[in-house]
Amino acid sequence: MAKKALIVWGGWAGHQPKEVADIFARELRERTFEVEVSDTLDAFLDGEKLKKLDLIVPIVTMSTIKGEQERPVLEAVKSGVGIAGCHGGMCDSFRNNVDWQFMTGGQWVAHPGNDGVEYTVNIRNPDHFITAGAADFKVKSEQYYMHVDPGLQVLASTAFPTADGPHTPNGHIDMPVIWTKYFGKGRVAYNSLGHQANIVAQKEVLPLMVKALLWAAHAENLWK
């Protein structure tokens, strides 16, 4: 039986949510997923439908969500449905919703230097399915500074400071870039890269994104 995924996109247009949704939908369909793509948070209203999915992919930035839209997602993930996403589309979705942040494992708070900062992504766990075979690489984009759950399994990180800012006097830190966690029975996977579709499609990045989707959906066997 084919795996089922729901992709929901929206929010700030600068993150090219539709274009990113198109990439993720294509990659999942190529791996035999049945994929529904929606541009409304009302796609989350039917809790029983969500619980029959294998994967939820939110691509919504700087938006607001109603309780009747959020609760079914939280309950579905707790019941065992996977959730995976990237950049602001998953961890800067709803700034007023701490339950969403509790589920996803982090919240964007800054990107010193804004877009166009060149930085290195360091693979920290080469033994995990998502990062297996990956090597450290550079990206020129926004470097996300995040508030994160201490219970995360960090798979990749990046060093701060790169660009100057009020964080600089605190010295060197390694900020998580790719992580996994559990929320109830559900697998949660996140990648802070992906400011726009060209970064998602970057040759070093796209396999990490796709493998995160597959891992969250218990579909590791569909890689390659």
Foldseek 3Di string as FASTA:
>chain_A
DAAEEEEEAEADCLLVRVLQVVVLVVLSVVLVYHYHYYDDLCVQQPLVVLLPHLEYEFQAAPDADDPSSPVSVLVSQLSARFYEYEARRQARHHVVDVSSCVQQFKHFDDFAVAFFFKWKKQFDDCPDLLNPPAHIDIDGTTDTDIDGDPPKDAGIWTWDDRHDDPCPVVDIDTGGAWTWDGNNNFIHIYGNDRSYSVRCVPPRRVSSRNSRRCVRSVNSVSDD
